[in-house]
Amino acid sequence: MAGWDLKCGPIKEFYINDDRIWSLFNYVFSDSCRKRNTYKYGLIKSLLDSLFSGKKTGMGIFYTYEELFARFAENYWNLVIKYDLRQMRPDG
């Protein structure tokens, strides 16, 4: 199933160490990451903003896509309206 059509996104690594976290952040912020638009930064901010609002279940902490998207939309809307943020650099 395509990622955009998923109903849930299970996390397979529940306990990761600091080196793994920094490795992921370094990848996202590096030139190796194919995405160059600002959505990835908005997604990371919405994940961090929602960090302590998840519901604890037997399988870990549960976040809905709706909760994450609400935080993303709130953060991103403010950036676009207040600071005239553009998605991509104008490179033709």
PDB file of N, CA and C in Angstrom:
ATOM      1  N   MET A   1       0.841  -1.178   0.000  1.00  0.00           N
ATOM      2  CA  MET A   1       0.000   0.000   0.000  1.00  0.00           C
ATOM      3  C   MET A   1       0.885   1.240   0.000  1.00  0.00           C
ATOM      4  N   ALA A   2       0.491   2.218  -0.779  1.00  0.00           N
ATOM      5  CA  ALA A   2       1.249   3.468  -0.878  1.00  0.00           C
ATOM      6  C   ALA A   2       1.186   4.229   0.443  1.00  0.00           C
ATOM      7  N   GLY A   3       2.257   4.947   0.759  1.00  0.00           N
ATOM      8  CA  GLY A   3       2.329   5.679   2.021  1.00  0.00           C
ATOM      9  C   GLY A   3       1.218   6.694   2.213  1.00  0.00           C
ATOM     10  N   TRP A   4       0.796   7.346   1.143  1.00  0.00           N
ATOM     11  CA  TRP A   4      -0.247   8.361   1.256  1.00  0.00           C
ATOM     12  C   TRP A   4      -1.606   7.751   1.551  1.00  0.00           C
ATOM     13  N   ASP A   5      -1.750   6.428   1.367  1.00  0.00           N
ATOM     14  CA  ASP A   5      -3.035   5.774   1.560  1.00  0.00           C
ATOM     15  C   ASP A   5      -3.085   4.955   2.857  1.00  0.00           C
ATOM     16  N   LEU A   6      -2.080   5.075   3.691  1.00  0.00           N
ATOM     17  CA  LEU A   6      -2.042   4.305   4.929  1.00  0.00           C
ATOM     18  C   LEU A   6      -3.076   4.802   5.928  1.00  0.00           C
ATOM     19  N   LYS A   7      -3.620   3.881   6.705  1.00  0.00           N
ATOM     20  CA  LYS A   7      -4.545   4.234   7.782  1.00  0.00           C
ATOM     21  C   LYS A   7      -3.813   4.327   9.111  1.00  0.00           C
ATOM     22  N   CYS A   8      -2.677   3.657   9.223  1.00  0.00           N
ATOM     23  CA  CYS A   8      -1.847   3.764  10.422  1.00  0.00           C
ATOM     24  C   CYS A   8      -0.403   3.540  10.009  1.00  0.00           C
ATOM     25  N   GLY A   9       0.506   4.021  10.816  1.00  0.00           N
ATOM     26  CA  GLY A   9       1.932   3.881  10.545  1.00  0.00           C
ATOM     27  C   GLY A   9       2.630   3.348  11.773  1.00  0.00           C
ATOM     28  N   PRO A  10       2.717   2.019  11.921  1.00  0.00           N
ATOM     29  CA  PRO A  10       3.333   1.467  13.132  1.00  0.00           C
ATOM     30  C   PRO A  10       4.828   1.749  13.188  1.00  0.00           C
ATOM     31  N   ILE A  11       5.294   2.018  14.370  1.00  0.00           N
ATOM     32  CA  ILE A  11       6.718   2.239  14.607  1.00  0.00           C
ATOM     33  C   ILE A  11       7.316   0.922  15.056  1.00  0.00           C
ATOM     34  N   LYS A  12       8.344   0.490  14.381  1.00  0.00           N
ATOM     35  CA  LYS A  12       8.936  -0.805  14.683  1.00  0.00           C
ATOM     36  C   LYS A  12      10.092  -0.707  15.674  1.00  0.00           C
ATOM     37  N   GLU A  13      10.705   0.461  15.764  1.00  0.00           N
ATOM     38  CA  GLU A  13      11.794   0.665  16.718  1.00  0.00           C
ATOM     39  C   GLU A  13      11.278   1.513  17.871  1.00  0.00           C
ATOM     40  N   PHE A  14      10.991   0.880  18.997  1.00  0.00           N
ATOM     41  CA  PHE A  14      10.447   1.623  20.129  1.00  0.00           C
ATOM     42  C   PHE A  14      11.538   2.286  20.958  1.00  0.00           C
ATOM     43  N   TYR A  15      12.625   1.603  21.147  1.00  0.00           N
ATOM     44  CA  TYR A  15      13.698   2.126  21.980  1.00  0.00           C
ATOM     45  C   TYR A  15      14.935   2.327  21.111  1.00  0.00           C
ATOM     46  N   ILE A  16      15.234   3.572  20.824  1.00  0.00           N
ATOM     47  CA  ILE A  16      16.420   3.860  20.025  1.00  0.00           C
ATOM     48  C   ILE A  16      17.360   4.732  20.841  1.00  0.00           C
ATOM     49  N   ASN A  17      18.635   4.590  20.560  1.00  0.00           N
ATOM     50  CA  ASN A  17      19.613   5.357  21.338  1.00  0.00           C
ATOM     51  C   ASN A  17      19.866   6.721  20.688  1.00  0.00           C
ATOM     52  N   ASP A  18      20.627   7.536  21.368  1.00  0.00           N
ATOM     53  CA  ASP A  18      20.917   8.894  20.895  1.00  0.00           C
ATOM     54  C   ASP A  18      21.627   8.900  19.545  1.00  0.00           C
ATOM     55  N   ASP A  19      22.509   7.944  19.327  1.00  0.00           N
ATOM     56  CA  ASP A  19      23.233   7.897  18.053  1.00  0.00           C
ATOM     57  C   ASP A  19      22.275   7.683  16.882  1.00  0.00           C
ATOM     58  N   ARG A  20      21.288   6.828  17.072  1.00  0.00           N
ATOM     59  CA  ARG A  20      20.308   6.575  16.007  1.00  0.00           C
ATOM     60  C   ARG A  20      19.467   7.822  15.741  1.00  0.00           C
ATOM     61  N   ILE A  21      19.047   8.514  16.790  1.00  0.00           N
ATOM     62  CA  ILE A  21      18.263   9.745  16.639  1.00  0.00           C
ATOM     63  C   ILE A  21      19.059  10.790  15.870  1.00  0.00           C
ATOM     64  N   TRP A  22      20.323  11.012  16.272  1.00  0.00           N
ATOM     65  CA  TRP A  22      21.153  12.000  15.584  1.00  0.00           C
ATOM     66  C   TRP A  22      21.428  11.594  14.147  1.00  0.00           C
ATOM     67  N   SER A  23      21.574  10.300  13.918  1.00  0.00           N
ATOM     68  CA  SER A  23      21.790   9.819  12.556  1.00  0.00           C
ATOM     69  C   SER A  23      20.586  10.144  11.673  1.00  0.00           C
ATOM     70  N   LEU A  24      19.381   9.953  12.183  1.00  0.00           N
ATOM     71  CA  LEU A  24      18.174  10.268  11.416  1.00  0.00           C
ATOM     72  C   LEU A  24      18.048  11.770  11.166  1.00  0.00           C
ATOM     73  N   PHE A  25      18.288  12.577  12.194  1.00  0.00           N
ATOM     74  CA  PHE A  25      18.217  14.027  12.024  1.00  0.00           C
ATOM     75  C   PHE A  25      19.272  14.514  11.034  1.00  0.00           C
ATOM     76  N   ASN A  26      20.481  13.976  11.129  1.00  0.00           N
ATOM     77  CA  ASN A  26      21.531  14.374  10.183  1.00  0.00           C
ATOM     78  C   ASN A  26      21.149  14.022   8.760  1.00  0.00           C
ATOM     79  N   TYR A  27      20.502  12.875   8.562  1.00  0.00           N
ATOM     80  CA  TYR A  27      20.069  12.500   7.223  1.00  0.00           C
ATOM     81  C   TYR A  27      19.003  13.460   6.701  1.00  0.00           C
ATOM     82  N   VAL A  28      18.011  13.757   7.525  1.00  0.00           N
ATOM     83  CA  VAL A  28      16.923  14.637   7.096  1.00  0.00           C
ATOM     84  C   VAL A  28      17.446  16.022   6.735  1.00  0.00           C
ATOM     85  N   PHE A  29      18.404  16.525   7.478  1.00  0.00           N
ATOM     86  CA  PHE A  29      18.924  17.868   7.244  1.00  0.00           C
ATOM     87  C   PHE A  29      20.108  17.901   6.276  1.00  0.00           C
ATOM     88  N   SER A  30      20.489  16.767   5.718  1.00  0.00           N
ATOM     89  CA  SER A  30      21.642  16.733   4.818  1.00  0.00           C
ATOM     90  C   SER A  30      21.203  16.845   3.359  1.00  0.00           C
ATOM     91  N   ASP A  31      22.177  16.966   2.485  1.00  0.00           N
ATOM     92  CA  ASP A  31      21.913  16.996   1.049  1.00  0.00           C
ATOM     93  C   ASP A  31      21.538  15.616   0.517  1.00  0.00           C
ATOM     94  N   SER A  32      21.766  14.567   1.305  1.00  0.00           N
ATOM     95  CA  SER A  32      21.423  13.210   0.874  1.00  0.00           C
ATOM     96  C   SER A  32      19.915  12.996   0.822  1.00  0.00           C
ATOM     97  N   CYS A  33      19.202  13.734   1.636  1.00  0.00           N
ATOM     98  CA  CYS A  33      17.744  13.620   1.657  1.00  0.00           C
ATOM     99  C   CYS A  33      17.193  14.265   0.389  1.00  0.00           C
ATOM    100  N   ARG A  34      16.413  13.538  -0.361  1.00  0.00           N
ATOM    101  CA  ARG A  34      15.939  14.011  -1.658  1.00  0.00           C
ATOM    102  C   ARG A  34      14.968  15.185  -1.531  1.00  0.00           C
ATOM    103  N   LYS A  35      14.290  15.275  -0.437  1.00  0.00           N
ATOM    104  CA  LYS A  35      13.304  16.339  -0.279  1.00  0.00           C
ATOM    105  C   LYS A  35      14.007  17.639   0.069  1.00  0.00           C
ATOM    106  N   ARG A  36      13.669  18.686  -0.649  1.00  0.00           N
ATOM    107  CA  ARG A  36      14.304  19.967  -0.358  1.00  0.00           C
ATOM    108  C   ARG A  36      13.302  21.016   0.061  1.00  0.00           C
ATOM    109  N   ASN A  37      12.044  20.655   0.162  1.00  0.00           N
ATOM    110  CA  ASN A  37      11.062  21.651   0.576  1.00  0.00           C
ATOM    111  C   ASN A  37      10.961  21.696   2.091  1.00  0.00           C
ATOM    112  N   THR A  38      10.179  22.615   2.579  1.00  0.00           N
ATOM    113  CA  THR A  38      10.129  22.850   4.015  1.00  0.00           C
ATOM    114  C   THR A  38       9.140  21.958   4.744  1.00  0.00           C
ATOM    115  N   TYR A  39       8.444  21.089   4.020  1.00  0.00           N
ATOM    116  CA  TYR A  39       7.494  20.206   4.697  1.00  0.00           C
ATOM    117  C   TYR A  39       8.165  19.308   5.723  1.00  0.00           C
ATOM    118  N   LYS A  40       9.375  18.834   5.434  1.00  0.00           N
ATOM    119  CA  LYS A  40      10.028  17.935   6.381  1.00  0.00           C
ATOM    120  C   LYS A  40      10.300  18.634   7.715  1.00  0.00           C
ATOM    121  N   TYR A  41      10.600  19.917   7.663  1.00  0.00           N
ATOM    122  CA  TYR A  41      10.827  20.656   8.908  1.00  0.00           C
ATOM    123  C   TYR A  41       9.509  20.846   9.667  1.00  0.00           C
ATOM    124  N   GLY A  42       8.449  21.103   8.928  1.00  0.00           N
ATOM    125  CA  GLY A  42       7.127  21.229   9.546  1.00  0.00           C
ATOM    126  C   GLY A  42       6.679  19.926  10.174  1.00  0.00           C
ATOM    127  N   LEU A  43       6.970  18.812   9.524  1.00  0.00           N
ATOM    128  CA  LEU A  43       6.605  17.507  10.068  1.00  0.00           C
ATOM    129  C   LEU A  43       7.381  17.220  11.348  1.00  0.00           C
ATOM    130  N   ILE A  44       8.669  17.481  11.340  1.00  0.00           N
ATOM    131  CA  ILE A  44       9.476  17.250  12.539  1.00  0.00           C
ATOM    132  C   ILE A  44       8.977  18.113  13.687  1.00  0.00           C
ATOM    133  N   LYS A  45       8.662  19.374  13.416  1.00  0.00           N
ATOM    134  CA  LYS A  45       8.147  20.252  14.478  1.00  0.00           C
ATOM    135  C   LYS A  45       6.823  19.745  15.010  1.00  0.00           C
ATOM    136  N   SER A  46       5.936  19.271  14.147  1.00  0.00           N
ATOM    137  CA  SER A  46       4.640  18.775  14.618  1.00  0.00           C
ATOM    138  C   SER A  46       4.822  17.499  15.439  1.00  0.00           C
ATOM    139  N   LEU A  47       5.780  16.662  15.068  1.00  0.00           N
ATOM    140  CA  LEU A  47       6.055  15.465  15.869  1.00  0.00           C
ATOM    141  C   LEU A  47       6.585  15.844  17.249  1.00  0.00           C
ATOM    142  N   LEU A  48       7.499  16.800  17.284  1.00  0.00           N
ATOM    143  CA  LEU A  48       8.047  17.235  18.570  1.00  0.00           C
ATOM    144  C   LEU A  48       6.992  17.933  19.426  1.00  0.00           C
ATOM    145  N   ASP A  49       6.132  18.741  18.804  1.00  0.00           N
ATOM    146  CA  ASP A  49       5.073  19.412  19.546  1.00  0.00           C
ATOM    147  C   ASP A  49       4.072  18.423  20.132  1.00  0.00           C
ATOM    148  N   SER A  50       3.877  17.301  19.469  1.00  0.00           N
ATOM    149  CA  SER A  50       2.900  16.306  19.903  1.00  0.00           C
ATOM    150  C   SER A  50       3.504  15.232  20.798  1.00  0.00           C
ATOM    151  N   LEU A  51       4.765  15.349  21.091  1.00  0.00           N
ATOM    152  CA  LEU A  51       5.492  14.297  21.790  1.00  0.00           C
ATOM    153  C   LEU A  51       4.822  13.847  23.084  1.00  0.00           C
ATOM    154  N   PHE A  52       4.333  14.769  23.880  1.00  0.00           N
ATOM    155  CA  PHE A  52       3.780  14.419  25.179  1.00  0.00           C
ATOM    156  C   PHE A  52       2.258  14.341  25.193  1.00  0.00           C
ATOM    157  N   SER A  53       1.630  14.455  24.029  1.00  0.00           N
ATOM    158  CA  SER A  53       0.164  14.400  23.997  1.00  0.00           C
ATOM    159  C   SER A  53      -0.358  13.061  23.501  1.00  0.00           C
ATOM    160  N   GLY A  54       0.511  12.083  23.284  1.00  0.00           N
ATOM    161  CA  GLY A  54       0.082  10.777  22.806  1.00  0.00           C
ATOM    162  C   GLY A  54      -0.645   9.999  23.886  1.00  0.00           C
ATOM    163  N   LYS A  55      -1.423   9.019  23.440  1.00  0.00           N
ATOM    164  CA  LYS A  55      -2.165   8.159  24.367  1.00  0.00           C
ATOM    165  C   LYS A  55      -1.380   6.867  24.563  1.00  0.00           C
ATOM    166  N   LYS A  56      -1.144   6.534  25.821  1.00  0.00           N
ATOM    167  CA  LYS A  56      -0.368   5.339  26.125  1.00  0.00           C
ATOM    168  C   LYS A  56      -1.248   4.105  25.940  1.00  0.00           C
ATOM    169  N   THR A  57      -0.743   3.142  25.183  1.00  0.00           N
ATOM    170  CA  THR A  57      -1.453   1.881  24.965  1.00  0.00           C
ATOM    171  C   THR A  57      -0.526   0.735  25.325  1.00  0.00           C
ATOM    172  N   GLY A  58      -1.007  -0.467  25.172  1.00  0.00           N
ATOM    173  CA  GLY A  58      -0.192  -1.640  25.461  1.00  0.00           C
ATOM    174  C   GLY A  58       0.968  -1.801  24.499  1.00  0.00           C
ATOM    175  N   MET A  59       0.865  -1.183  23.328  1.00  0.00           N
ATOM    176  CA  MET A  59       1.921  -1.295  22.320  1.00  0.00           C
ATOM    177  C   MET A  59       2.838  -0.083  22.308  1.00  0.00           C
ATOM    178  N   GLY A  60       2.615   0.866  23.168  1.00  0.00           N
ATOM    179  CA  GLY A  60       3.439   2.072  23.190  1.00  0.00           C
ATOM    180  C   GLY A  60       2.573   3.313  23.255  1.00  0.00           C
ATOM    181  N   ILE A  61       3.032   4.376  22.646  1.00  0.00           N
ATOM    182  CA  ILE A  61       2.289   5.635  22.647  1.00  0.00           C
ATOM    183  C   ILE A  61       1.641   5.797  21.286  1.00  0.00           C
ATOM    184  N   PHE A  62       0.377   6.182  21.282  1.00  0.00           N
ATOM    185  CA  PHE A  62      -0.425   6.248  20.065  1.00  0.00           C
ATOM    186  C   PHE A  62      -0.707   7.699  19.688  1.00  0.00           C
ATOM    187  N   TYR A  63      -0.437   8.034  18.433  1.00  0.00           N
ATOM    188  CA  TYR A  63      -0.753   9.339  17.863  1.00  0.00           C
ATOM    189  C   TYR A  63      -1.617   9.108  16.639  1.00  0.00           C
ATOM    190  N   THR A  64      -2.629   9.911  16.449  1.00  0.00           N
ATOM    191  CA  THR A  64      -3.426   9.787  15.231  1.00  0.00           C
ATOM    192  C   THR A  64      -2.856  10.724  14.175  1.00  0.00           C
ATOM    193  N   TYR A  65      -3.086  10.374  12.929  1.00  0.00           N
ATOM    194  CA  TYR A  65      -2.666  11.250  11.847  1.00  0.00           C
ATOM    195  C   TYR A  65      -3.377  12.597  11.956  1.00  0.00           C
ATOM    196  N   GLU A  66      -4.617  12.570  12.419  1.00  0.00           N
ATOM    197  CA  GLU A  66      -5.374  13.820  12.550  1.00  0.00           C
ATOM    198  C   GLU A  66      -4.721  14.756  13.557  1.00  0.00           C
ATOM    199  N   GLU A  67      -4.253  14.207  14.686  1.00  0.00           N
ATOM    200  CA  GLU A  67      -3.574  15.031  15.695  1.00  0.00           C
ATOM    201  C   GLU A  67      -2.281  15.625  15.139  1.00  0.00           C
ATOM    202  N   LEU A  68      -1.498  14.787  14.462  1.00  0.00           N
ATOM    203  CA  LEU A  68      -0.236  15.268  13.906  1.00  0.00           C
ATOM    204  C   LEU A  68      -0.479  16.298  12.808  1.00  0.00           C
ATOM    205  N   PHE A  69      -1.480  16.031  11.960  1.00  0.00           N
ATOM    206  CA  PHE A  69      -1.770  16.980  10.888  1.00  0.00           C
ATOM    207  C   PHE A  69      -2.283  18.302  11.439  1.00  0.00           C
ATOM    208  N   ALA A  70      -3.078  18.254  12.513  1.00  0.00           N
ATOM    209  CA  ALA A  70      -3.580  19.492  13.109  1.00  0.00           C
ATOM    210  C   ALA A  70      -2.422  20.358  13.587  1.00  0.00           C
ATOM    211  N   ARG A  71      -1.437  19.752  14.238  1.00  0.00           N
ATOM    212  CA  ARG A  71      -0.262  20.511  14.691  1.00  0.00           C
ATOM    213  C   ARG A  71       0.535  21.023  13.499  1.00  0.00           C
ATOM    214  N   PHE A  72       0.689  20.173  12.479  1.00  0.00           N
ATOM    215  CA  PHE A  72       1.407  20.565  11.287  1.00  0.00           C
ATOM    216  C   PHE A  72       0.730  21.754  10.616  1.00  0.00           C
ATOM    217  N   ALA A  73      -0.581  21.658  10.444  1.00  0.00           N
ATOM    218  CA  ALA A  73      -1.327  22.728   9.770  1.00  0.00           C
ATOM    219  C   ALA A  73      -1.258  24.029  10.572  1.00  0.00           C
ATOM    220  N   GLU A  74      -1.375  23.933  11.885  1.00  0.00           N
ATOM    221  CA  GLU A  74      -1.296  25.135  12.729  1.00  0.00           C
ATOM    222  C   GLU A  74       0.074  25.795  12.611  1.00  0.00           C
ATOM    223  N   ASN A  75       1.124  25.001  12.739  1.00  0.00           N
ATOM    224  CA  ASN A  75       2.487  25.540  12.640  1.00  0.00           C
ATOM    225  C   ASN A  75       2.753  26.117  11.261  1.00  0.00           C
ATOM    226  N   TYR A  76       2.386  25.354  10.246  1.00  0.00           N
ATOM    227  CA  TYR A  76       2.704  25.753   8.883  1.00  0.00           C
ATOM    228  C   TYR A  76       1.902  26.971   8.459  1.00  0.00           C
ATOM    229  N   TRP A  77       0.646  27.011   8.831  1.00  0.00           N
ATOM    230  CA  TRP A  77      -0.204  28.151   8.479  1.00  0.00           C
ATOM    231  C   TRP A  77       0.407  29.441   9.020  1.00  0.00           C
ATOM    232  N   ASN A  78       0.873  29.404  10.249  1.00  0.00           N
ATOM    233  CA  ASN A  78       1.501  30.594  10.836  1.00  0.00           C
ATOM    234  C   ASN A  78       2.745  31.006  10.063  1.00  0.00           C
ATOM    235  N   LEU A  79       3.546  30.046   9.614  1.00  0.00           N
ATOM    236  CA  LEU A  79       4.752  30.377   8.856  1.00  0.00           C
ATOM    237  C   LEU A  79       4.420  30.999   7.511  1.00  0.00           C
ATOM    238  N   VAL A  80       3.398  30.479   6.857  1.00  0.00           N
ATOM    239  CA  VAL A  80       3.027  30.990   5.544  1.00  0.00           C
ATOM    240  C   VAL A  80       2.404  32.377   5.662  1.00  0.00           C
ATOM    241  N   ILE A  81       1.488  32.551   6.594  1.00  0.00           N
ATOM    242  CA  ILE A  81       0.774  33.819   6.726  1.00  0.00           C
ATOM    243  C   ILE A  81       1.654  34.920   7.331  1.00  0.00           C
ATOM    244  N   LYS A  82       2.321  34.616   8.433  1.00  0.00           N
ATOM    245  CA  LYS A  82       3.101  35.643   9.137  1.00  0.00           C
ATOM    246  C   LYS A  82       4.418  35.980   8.449  1.00  0.00           C
ATOM    247  N   TYR A  83       5.086  34.942   7.911  1.00  0.00           N
ATOM    248  CA  TYR A  83       6.448  35.140   7.426  1.00  0.00           C
ATOM    249  C   TYR A  83       6.600  34.937   5.918  1.00  0.00           C
ATOM    250  N   ASP A  84       5.488  34.755   5.215  1.00  0.00           N
ATOM    251  CA  ASP A  84       5.497  34.615   3.763  1.00  0.00           C
ATOM    252  C   ASP A  84       6.458  33.511   3.297  1.00  0.00           C
ATOM    253  N   LEU A  85       6.425  32.388   4.018  1.00  0.00           N
ATOM    254  CA  LEU A  85       7.300  31.261   3.713  1.00  0.00           C
ATOM    255  C   LEU A  85       6.938  30.662   2.354  1.00  0.00           C
ATOM    256  N   ARG A  86       7.949  30.328   1.567  1.00  0.00           N
ATOM    257  CA  ARG A  86       7.770  29.691   0.265  1.00  0.00           C
ATOM    258  C   ARG A  86       8.192  28.232   0.358  1.00  0.00           C
ATOM    259  N   GLN A  87       7.580  27.402  -0.456  1.00  0.00           N
ATOM    260  CA  GLN A  87       7.868  25.970  -0.414  1.00  0.00           C
ATOM    261  C   GLN A  87       9.222  25.618  -1.011  1.00  0.00           C
ATOM    262  N   MET A  88       9.520  26.180  -2.130  1.00  0.00           N
ATOM    263  CA  MET A  88      10.753  25.803  -2.803  1.00  0.00           C
ATOM    264  C   MET A  88      11.483  27.052  -3.266  1.00  0.00           C
ATOM    265  N   ARG A  89      12.777  26.938  -3.372  1.00  0.00           N
ATOM    266  CA  ARG A  89      13.555  28.073  -3.842  1.00  0.00           C
ATOM    267  C   ARG A  89      13.280  28.290  -5.339  1.00  0.00           C
ATOM    268  N   PRO A  90      13.274  29.507  -5.768  1.00  0.00           N
ATOM    269  CA  PRO A  90      13.001  29.767  -7.185  1.00  0.00           C
ATOM    270  C   PRO A  90      14.236  29.477  -8.045  1.00  0.00           C
ATOM    271  N   ASP A  91      14.300  28.267  -8.581  1.00  0.00           N
ATOM    272  CA  ASP A  91      15.466  27.909  -9.395  1.00  0.00           C
ATOM    273  C   ASP A  91      15.079  27.525 -10.823  1.00  0.00           C
ATOM    274  N   GLY A  92      13.930  27.989 -11.248  1.00  0.00           N
ATOM    275  CA  GLY A  92      13.537  27.789 -12.640  1.00  0.00           C
ATOM    276  C   GLY A  92      12.863  26.495 -12.846  1.00  0.00           C
TER     277      GLY A  92
END
